[in-house]
Amino acid sequence: MKKSLFIILGILIIFILLAIWAYLLFFAKSEDNIALFNNFFDGEEVEILPLPDILPEETLPVDLERPSIRQLTLRPVAGFNEVVDTDGNLEIYFVEMGTGHLYSINLQSGEEQRLSGTTVVQARDAHISRDGNTVAIVSYTNTKLKNMTIFILDRENNSLTEVISDVVQDFHLSNNLLYYTVATSDGLEAYAYKLDTLIREVVFSLPFNEATVQWGDTIKGPHYVYPKASYALQGFLYVVEAGKLNRLPLEGFGFSALVSKEGVLFTKITDHLPMSYYYDRKTKEIKNLNLAALPEKCLLVENTESIICPHSQTTTLSYQMPDLWYQGVFSFVDSLQHINSATLSNFTLVDILAESGREVDIVKLSYDADFDGFFFTNKNDSSLWMYETFN
C-alpha cells in the first residue's frame, strides 16, 4: 500500500474520532453515551460498577496525640510565663519581640489570642507576672542601658496601661516585686518596686557594675551575684542578705553559677576547658559533673536532687566560653539532660534535634508542675517551645 494512502486513512480516522467526540460533548446524554460505546463491541453489555462508598466520618482514624516536644509560636518571643486564668485554664502568656504586643496561648486548643495591641517599639526582653496582669517590657538603646516600662493589663480594652518607666541595666519581676539594677560611677545599685504601693527600696550596692544577679523571693533576699562571666576574668560568687554582701567559697575563670537551697551548679575553666560542678551546701562537698554546661541555661528543681541542663553531648566547648556564645559566634544544638546531684547519674529527657528536626539553643528554661512541662525559647530565632513530660 502506498504511503500516501496511509496518510489519507490516518486523516480520515482522526476526523471520525473528532466528530464522535464533538457529538458526545455537545449533543448526547450521558446514558446515550454508554449505549453508544456498548455498540462498538460485540458480546455482553459492560457492567458499570458503582464507586466505593467513602468511610463514615466516625470511622476515619483521628490522631489526637501531640508531640511531647513542640514549637508553640511563629512570632519571636521577648518573654513569657505560665498563667492559670480565672476559669482554671492553663495558658501561656508571651510578649512579641519588636512590637511588645501581649498574647495568650491555650495549651488545650492551641488557640492564640492577642490580649494587648499596645506597641512598645523595639521590645527585646519581657517578664510577666504569674496572674498575667502585670507586664515589664524592656527596649534596648544603642548603649548597654535599657528602657524599662511596667504595664498593667487592661483586659476590657485590650491594652497595657503604663505604671512605671526607668532606665535599667537588668530587671526581674517576681511576687509583686520588680527588681532592677542601675549602673553608677561607684558600681551597681539594686532596687525593688512594690507594685501594689509603687514604693521603691534599695536592695543592695555592689563595687562593680558588670554583674549577673539571681534574685530572691523577698527584698531582704538571699540574692546571689557574680561578675559577668568571661574566660579572661576571674569570677566569685556572692550572697546578699539584708543588704550585706558575703562571698561563698566558689570562684574561677569563666565562672558562672545557678543557686538553690540545696546546692550550687557552677562552671569554670579547668585545664583550659570549661567544666561543670555541683556544690552541696549542706555537706560543703564539690562534685565534678563530668560535663560542661552553662548554668544560666539550666534549672535546679527545688527540694529535689534534679538538675535539668540543655547540653550537647557531641560538642566540646572552647576555653573561650561563654564569651563566644554571648557574641553569637557559637550556638548550641541542645538536648535536655537530667542530672542527679547525689549520684551524678544523667540521662537524656529529650533529644530535640532527633525529635523535631530543629537545632535549638535553649534559653529561659522553666518548669511548671501545673502544666507538667518545660518551657523555653530558642536563642536562634526567639521562638517559644514546650516539652511535655506526660508524667
Protein backbone atom coordinates (compact mmCIF):
# COMPACT_ATOMS: atom_id res chain seq x y z
CA MET A 1 0.00 0.00 0.00
CA LYS A 2 1.26 3.40 -0.89
CA LYS A 3 2.49 5.81 1.75
CA SER A 4 0.04 8.46 0.57
CA LEU A 5 -2.86 6.07 1.19
CA PHE A 6 -1.73 5.52 4.77
CA ILE A 7 -1.71 9.26 5.33
CA ILE A 8 -5.22 9.64 3.84
CA LEU A 9 -6.62 6.82 6.03
CA GLY A 10 -4.99 8.32 9.13
CA ILE A 11 -6.51 11.70 8.47
CA LEU A 12 -9.98 10.13 7.96
CA ILE A 13 -9.74 8.25 11.26
CA ILE A 14 -8.77 11.44 13.10
CA PHE A 15 -11.73 13.31 11.60
CA ILE A 16 -14.13 10.47 12.57
CA LEU A 17 -12.85 10.46 16.18
CA LEU A 18 -13.11 14.24 16.40
CA ALA A 19 -16.70 14.09 15.11
CA ILE A 20 -17.65 11.43 17.71
CA TRP A 21 -16.03 13.47 20.48
CA ALA A 22 -17.88 16.65 19.42
CA TYR A 23 -21.21 14.81 19.33
CA LEU A 24 -20.72 13.28 22.77
CA LEU A 25 -19.60 16.58 24.24
CA PHE A 26 -22.38 18.82 22.91
CA PHE A 27 -25.41 16.68 21.97
CA ALA A 28 -25.59 13.26 23.60
CA LYS A 29 -26.96 12.50 27.10
CA SER A 30 -24.84 10.51 29.47
CA GLU A 31 -26.98 7.37 29.25
CA ASP A 32 -26.83 7.58 25.41
CA ASN A 33 -23.07 7.78 25.61
CA ILE A 34 -22.93 4.48 27.45
CA ALA A 35 -25.20 2.78 24.92
CA LEU A 36 -23.26 4.19 22.02
CA PHE A 37 -19.95 2.85 23.26
CA ASN A 38 -21.51 -0.51 24.09
CA ASN A 39 -22.49 -0.78 20.42
CA PHE A 40 -18.85 -0.60 19.41
CA PHE A 41 -18.23 -4.00 21.00
CA ASP A 42 -19.71 -7.43 20.32
CA GLY A 43 -20.69 -9.57 23.28
CA GLU A 44 -22.24 -8.87 26.67
CA GLU A 45 -23.04 -5.41 27.94
CA VAL A 46 -20.30 -3.90 30.02
CA GLU A 47 -21.34 -3.56 33.67
CA ILE A 48 -20.86 -0.08 35.18
CA LEU A 49 -19.53 -0.58 38.69
CA PRO A 50 -20.53 1.95 41.40
CA LEU A 51 -17.83 4.00 43.14
CA PRO A 52 -16.96 2.66 46.60
CA ASP A 53 -18.64 4.48 49.46
CA ILE A 54 -16.45 6.87 51.46
CA LEU A 55 -15.85 5.66 55.00
CA PRO A 56 -18.24 7.25 57.50
CA GLU A 57 -16.58 10.17 59.29
CA GLU A 58 -16.69 8.47 62.68
CA THR A 59 -14.64 5.53 61.37
CA LEU A 60 -11.83 7.68 59.96
CA PRO A 61 -8.68 7.42 62.06
CA VAL A 62 -8.09 10.59 64.09
CA ASP A 63 -4.68 11.17 65.67
CA LEU A 64 -5.22 13.26 68.78
CA GLU A 65 -1.75 12.63 70.19
CA ARG A 66 0.51 15.68 70.13
CA PRO A 67 4.28 15.50 70.13
CA SER A 68 5.93 15.90 73.53
CA ILE A 69 8.40 18.46 72.14
CA ARG A 70 6.83 21.19 70.02
CA GLN A 71 7.16 24.80 68.93
CA LEU A 72 4.35 26.97 70.28
CA THR A 73 4.87 30.22 68.37
CA LEU A 74 5.93 31.53 65.00
CA ARG A 75 6.28 35.03 66.45
CA PRO A 76 9.61 35.93 68.10
CA VAL A 77 9.15 35.99 71.89
CA ALA A 78 10.65 38.62 74.21
CA GLY A 79 9.40 36.90 77.37
CA PHE A 80 6.72 34.51 78.62
CA ASN A 81 5.12 33.00 81.70
CA GLU A 82 2.74 30.19 82.57
CA VAL A 83 -0.65 31.56 83.68
CA VAL A 84 -3.73 29.93 85.18
CA ASP A 85 -6.71 32.14 84.26
CA THR A 86 -9.80 32.85 86.40
CA ASP A 87 -11.59 29.82 84.90
CA GLY A 88 -8.71 27.50 85.77
CA ASN A 89 -7.48 27.22 82.16
CA LEU A 90 -3.76 26.70 81.62
CA GLU A 91 -2.39 29.32 79.27
CA ILE A 92 0.96 30.71 78.19
CA TYR A 93 1.26 34.48 78.01
CA PHE A 94 4.04 35.93 75.86
CA VAL A 95 5.24 39.31 74.64
CA GLU A 96 6.10 39.58 70.97
CA MET A 97 9.60 40.84 70.31
CA GLY A 98 9.74 44.08 68.37
CA THR A 99 6.11 45.15 68.93
CA GLY A 100 5.56 44.50 72.64
CA HIS A 101 2.11 43.02 71.92
CA LEU A 102 0.85 40.59 74.55
CA TYR A 103 -0.62 37.23 73.51
CA SER A 104 -2.04 34.14 75.18
CA ILE A 105 -1.93 30.53 74.01
CA ASN A 106 -4.47 27.98 75.26
CA LEU A 107 -2.48 24.75 75.51
CA GLN A 108 -5.55 22.54 75.14
CA SER A 109 -6.95 24.09 71.97
CA GLY A 110 -3.77 25.72 70.68
CA GLU A 111 -5.72 28.95 70.15
CA GLU A 112 -3.64 32.13 70.13
CA GLN A 113 -5.29 35.39 71.21
CA ARG A 114 -3.92 38.91 71.29
CA LEU A 115 -4.57 40.42 74.73
CA SER A 116 -2.98 43.82 74.05
CA GLY A 117 -2.16 45.80 70.95
CA THR A 118 -0.17 48.43 72.84
CA THR A 119 3.09 48.87 70.93
CA VAL A 120 6.46 49.07 72.66
CA VAL A 121 8.96 49.95 69.96
CA GLN A 122 11.99 47.60 69.78
CA ALA A 123 10.78 45.42 72.66
CA ARG A 124 13.58 42.95 73.35
CA ASP A 125 13.00 41.43 76.77
CA ALA A 126 9.95 40.98 78.99
CA HIS A 127 8.72 39.50 82.26
CA ILE A 128 5.08 38.63 83.00
CA SER A 129 3.53 38.13 86.45
CA ARG A 130 2.06 34.77 87.39
CA ASP A 131 -1.52 36.10 87.19
CA GLY A 132 -0.81 37.71 83.82
CA ASN A 133 -1.92 41.17 84.95
CA THR A 134 1.49 42.87 85.18
CA VAL A 135 4.00 43.07 82.35
CA ALA A 136 7.53 44.50 82.39
CA ILE A 137 8.97 45.24 78.94
CA VAL A 138 12.45 46.44 78.04
CA SER A 139 13.51 48.06 74.78
CA TYR A 140 17.19 48.37 74.04
CA THR A 141 19.09 51.52 73.18
CA ASN A 142 22.41 51.89 71.38
CA THR A 143 24.13 51.64 74.75
CA LYS A 144 24.09 48.93 77.41
CA LEU A 145 21.21 50.74 79.13
CA LYS A 146 17.65 49.51 78.68
CA ASN A 147 14.39 51.45 78.72
CA MET A 148 12.07 49.55 81.06
CA THR A 149 8.33 50.11 81.37
CA ILE A 150 5.88 48.42 83.74
CA PHE A 151 2.31 47.95 82.50
CA ILE A 152 -0.98 46.75 83.94
CA LEU A 153 -3.12 44.72 81.53
CA ASP A 154 -6.49 46.31 80.72
CA ARG A 155 -8.41 43.25 79.56
CA GLU A 156 -11.58 45.13 78.61
CA ASN A 157 -9.79 47.46 76.21
CA ASN A 158 -7.08 45.01 75.10
CA SER A 159 -4.33 47.43 76.05
CA LEU A 160 -1.49 47.98 78.51
CA THR A 161 -1.56 50.90 80.94
CA GLU A 162 1.85 52.33 81.84
CA VAL A 163 2.67 52.47 85.56
CA ILE A 164 6.45 52.94 85.87
CA SER A 165 9.29 53.67 83.47
CA ASP A 166 13.02 53.83 84.13
CA VAL A 167 16.42 53.20 82.58
CA VAL A 168 17.95 49.97 83.88
CA GLN A 169 20.77 47.52 83.32
CA ASP A 170 18.93 44.37 84.42
CA PHE A 171 15.43 43.57 85.71
CA HIS A 172 13.20 40.81 87.06
CA LEU A 173 9.53 40.51 88.02
CA SER A 174 8.60 38.20 90.93
CA ASN A 175 5.92 38.02 93.66
CA ASN A 176 4.55 41.54 93.14
CA LEU A 177 8.10 42.90 93.23
CA LEU A 178 10.00 44.47 90.37
CA TYR A 179 13.76 44.17 90.85
CA TYR A 180 16.19 46.12 88.71
CA THR A 181 19.78 47.36 88.71
CA VAL A 182 21.29 50.69 87.69
CA ALA A 183 24.96 51.31 86.91
CA THR A 184 26.59 54.19 88.75
CA SER A 185 30.08 55.65 88.86
CA ASP A 186 30.72 53.65 92.05
CA GLY A 187 29.34 50.30 90.87
CA LEU A 188 25.85 48.83 90.73
CA GLU A 189 22.71 49.81 92.66
CA ALA A 190 19.86 47.32 93.03
CA TYR A 191 16.28 48.44 93.68
CA ALA A 192 12.88 46.86 94.26
CA TYR A 193 9.47 48.34 93.43
CA LYS A 194 6.47 47.10 95.37
CA LEU A 195 3.88 47.04 92.61
CA ASP A 196 0.89 47.37 94.95
CA THR A 197 2.20 50.57 96.58
CA LEU A 198 4.75 51.75 93.94
CA ILE A 199 7.24 52.32 96.74
CA ARG A 200 10.90 51.86 95.78
CA GLU A 201 13.50 50.37 98.13
CA VAL A 202 17.26 49.92 97.85
CA VAL A 203 18.15 46.22 97.88
CA PHE A 204 21.96 46.31 97.76
CA SER A 205 25.01 48.03 96.30
CA LEU A 206 27.97 46.40 94.53
CA PRO A 207 31.50 47.73 93.97
CA PHE A 208 31.42 46.52 90.33
CA ASN A 209 28.81 47.20 87.61
CA GLU A 210 29.07 44.19 85.28
CA ALA A 211 27.12 41.61 87.28
CA THR A 212 24.71 38.73 86.91
CA VAL A 213 22.04 38.62 89.62
CA GLN A 214 19.87 35.69 90.66
CA TRP A 215 17.03 37.38 92.53
CA GLY A 216 15.38 36.00 95.66
CA ASP A 217 11.71 35.92 96.62
CA THR A 218 11.87 38.81 99.10
CA ILE A 219 13.61 42.17 99.22
CA LYS A 220 15.86 41.00 102.05
CA GLY A 221 16.99 38.05 99.99
CA PRO A 222 19.02 35.99 99.77
CA HIS A 223 20.10 37.20 96.34
CA TYR A 224 23.12 35.73 94.54
CA VAL A 225 25.57 37.72 92.45
CA TYR A 226 28.72 37.10 90.39
CA PRO A 227 30.65 39.31 87.96
CA LYS A 228 29.64 38.83 84.33
CA ALA A 229 31.23 35.59 83.17
CA SER A 230 34.25 35.72 80.86
CA TYR A 231 37.02 33.22 80.22
CA ALA A 232 39.54 36.06 80.64
CA LEU A 233 38.29 37.18 84.05
CA GLN A 234 38.18 35.54 87.46
CA GLY A 235 34.73 35.38 88.99
CA PHE A 236 33.42 34.94 92.54
CA LEU A 237 30.01 34.03 93.96
CA TYR A 238 28.41 36.38 96.48
CA VAL A 239 25.26 36.14 98.58
CA VAL A 240 23.36 39.30 99.58
CA GLU A 241 21.08 39.20 102.64
CA ALA A 242 19.50 42.30 104.17
CA GLY A 243 21.86 44.43 102.09
CA LYS A 244 25.04 42.71 103.32
CA LEU A 245 27.42 41.16 100.80
CA ASN A 246 29.33 37.95 101.62
CA ARG A 247 31.48 35.66 99.49
CA LEU A 248 30.76 31.96 99.04
CA PRO A 249 33.72 29.56 98.63
CA LEU A 250 33.38 29.24 94.84
CA GLU A 251 35.46 31.01 92.19
CA GLY A 252 37.32 30.59 88.91
CA PHE A 253 37.95 32.00 85.44
CA GLY A 254 34.88 31.93 83.19
CA PHE A 255 32.85 31.47 86.38
CA SER A 256 29.04 31.29 86.25
CA ALA A 257 26.57 29.77 88.71
CA LEU A 258 22.98 28.79 89.48
CA VAL A 259 21.91 28.52 93.14
CA SER A 260 19.17 26.66 95.00
CA LYS A 261 18.60 25.98 98.70
CA GLU A 262 20.26 22.59 98.30
CA GLY A 263 23.30 23.44 96.23
CA VAL A 264 25.08 25.40 93.54
CA LEU A 265 25.64 24.39 89.93
CA PHE A 266 28.72 26.21 88.66
CA THR A 267 31.06 26.15 85.70
CA LYS A 268 34.64 27.39 85.45
CA ILE A 269 37.74 26.88 83.30
CA THR A 270 39.66 23.77 84.37
CA ASP A 271 42.77 22.66 82.46
CA HIS A 272 41.94 25.18 79.69
CA LEU A 273 38.40 23.82 79.19
CA PRO A 274 35.01 24.66 80.77
CA MET A 275 33.88 22.10 83.35
CA SER A 276 30.72 21.97 85.49
CA TYR A 277 30.50 21.13 89.19
CA TYR A 278 27.89 20.80 91.90
CA TYR A 279 28.44 22.27 95.37
CA ASP A 280 26.36 20.65 98.13
CA ARG A 281 25.55 23.47 100.56
CA LYS A 282 24.87 21.03 103.42
CA THR A 283 27.96 18.81 103.20
CA LYS A 284 30.21 21.50 101.58
CA GLU A 285 31.27 18.86 99.04
CA ILE A 286 32.14 19.79 95.44
CA LYS A 287 31.32 17.15 92.82
CA ASN A 288 32.62 17.04 89.25
CA LEU A 289 29.66 16.50 86.88
CA ASN A 290 31.99 15.39 84.04
CA LEU A 291 30.29 17.65 81.51
CA ALA A 292 30.35 21.31 80.51
CA ALA A 293 27.12 23.30 80.70
CA LEU A 294 26.21 26.96 81.06
CA PRO A 295 24.40 27.34 84.40
CA GLU A 296 22.30 30.26 83.12
CA LYS A 297 20.74 27.84 80.62
CA CYS A 298 19.98 25.26 83.34
CA LEU A 299 17.35 24.67 86.00
CA LEU A 300 17.71 23.42 89.59
CA VAL A 301 14.44 21.83 90.70
CA GLU A 302 13.81 22.98 94.27
CA ASN A 303 13.60 20.36 97.05
CA THR A 304 14.89 17.65 94.74
CA GLU A 305 18.24 16.31 93.57
CA SER A 306 17.36 17.07 89.93
CA ILE A 307 19.41 19.31 87.65
CA ILE A 308 17.96 19.95 84.20
CA CYS A 309 20.52 21.21 81.71
CA PRO A 310 20.45 21.88 77.98
CA HIS A 311 23.54 20.10 76.72
CA SER A 312 25.11 18.85 73.51
CA GLN A 313 26.95 15.59 74.14
CA THR A 314 28.73 15.73 70.77
CA THR A 315 30.22 19.20 71.23
CA THR A 316 33.45 20.05 73.07
CA LEU A 317 33.28 23.63 74.33
CA SER A 318 36.09 26.07 73.68
CA TYR A 319 38.06 27.59 76.55
CA GLN A 320 36.67 30.93 75.29
CA MET A 321 33.21 30.11 76.59
CA PRO A 322 30.84 31.67 77.47
CA ASP A 323 32.15 34.71 75.54
CA LEU A 324 31.70 33.03 72.15
CA TRP A 325 28.09 32.23 72.99
CA TYR A 326 27.35 35.77 74.20
CA GLN A 327 28.83 37.15 70.98
CA GLY A 328 26.70 34.85 68.81
CA VAL A 329 29.77 33.17 67.33
CA PHE A 330 28.82 29.80 68.83
CA SER A 331 25.37 28.20 69.01
CA PHE A 332 24.37 25.06 70.92
CA VAL A 333 22.43 22.14 69.46
CA ASP A 334 20.73 21.21 72.71
CA SER A 335 19.09 18.16 74.18
CA LEU A 336 17.57 18.25 77.67
CA GLN A 337 19.64 16.32 80.21
CA HIS A 338 18.54 15.18 83.67
CA ILE A 339 21.39 15.02 86.19
CA ASN A 340 21.08 13.58 89.71
CA SER A 341 23.19 15.75 92.01
CA ALA A 342 23.56 12.93 94.57
CA THR A 343 24.53 10.01 92.34
CA LEU A 344 25.85 12.10 89.39
CA SER A 345 23.91 9.83 87.03
CA ASN A 346 22.42 11.50 83.98
CA PHE A 347 20.13 10.64 81.10
CA THR A 348 18.55 12.42 78.14
CA LEU A 349 15.00 13.65 78.68
CA VAL A 350 14.56 14.56 75.02
CA ASP A 351 16.86 14.80 72.01
CA ILE A 352 15.33 17.89 70.42
CA LEU A 353 17.11 17.60 67.06
CA ALA A 354 16.11 13.94 66.68
CA GLU A 355 12.50 14.53 67.77
CA SER A 356 11.79 17.80 65.95
CA GLY A 357 14.41 18.07 63.23
CA ARG A 358 15.30 21.54 64.53
CA GLU A 359 18.52 22.88 66.04
CA VAL A 360 17.51 24.61 69.28
CA ASP A 361 19.75 26.70 71.54
CA ILE A 362 17.76 26.77 74.79
CA VAL A 363 17.41 29.92 76.91
CA LYS A 364 14.92 30.99 79.62
CA LEU A 365 14.27 27.40 80.68
CA SER A 366 11.44 26.92 83.21
CA TYR A 367 9.36 24.08 84.59
CA ASP A 368 5.74 24.24 85.71
CA ALA A 369 4.10 21.36 87.61
CA ASP A 370 0.58 22.60 86.74
CA PHE A 371 1.39 22.27 83.05
CA ASP A 372 3.54 19.17 83.59
CA GLY A 373 6.09 20.55 81.19
CA PHE A 374 9.23 22.54 80.47
CA PHE A 375 9.13 25.83 78.56
CA PHE A 376 11.97 27.66 76.86
CA THR A 377 12.85 29.89 73.93
CA ASN A 378 15.22 29.15 71.07
CA LYS A 379 18.07 31.69 71.07
CA ASN A 380 18.43 31.19 67.30
CA ASP A 381 15.03 32.65 66.36
CA SER A 382 13.37 33.55 69.72
CA SER A 383 10.52 31.06 69.15
CA LEU A 384 8.73 29.58 72.18
CA TRP A 385 8.87 25.81 72.79
CA MET A 386 7.38 23.26 75.19
CA TYR A 387 8.48 19.81 76.28
CA GLU A 388 5.54 17.98 77.83
CA THR A 389 6.61 15.23 80.23
CA PHE A 390 3.24 13.38 80.44
CA ASN A 391 4.01 12.18 83.98
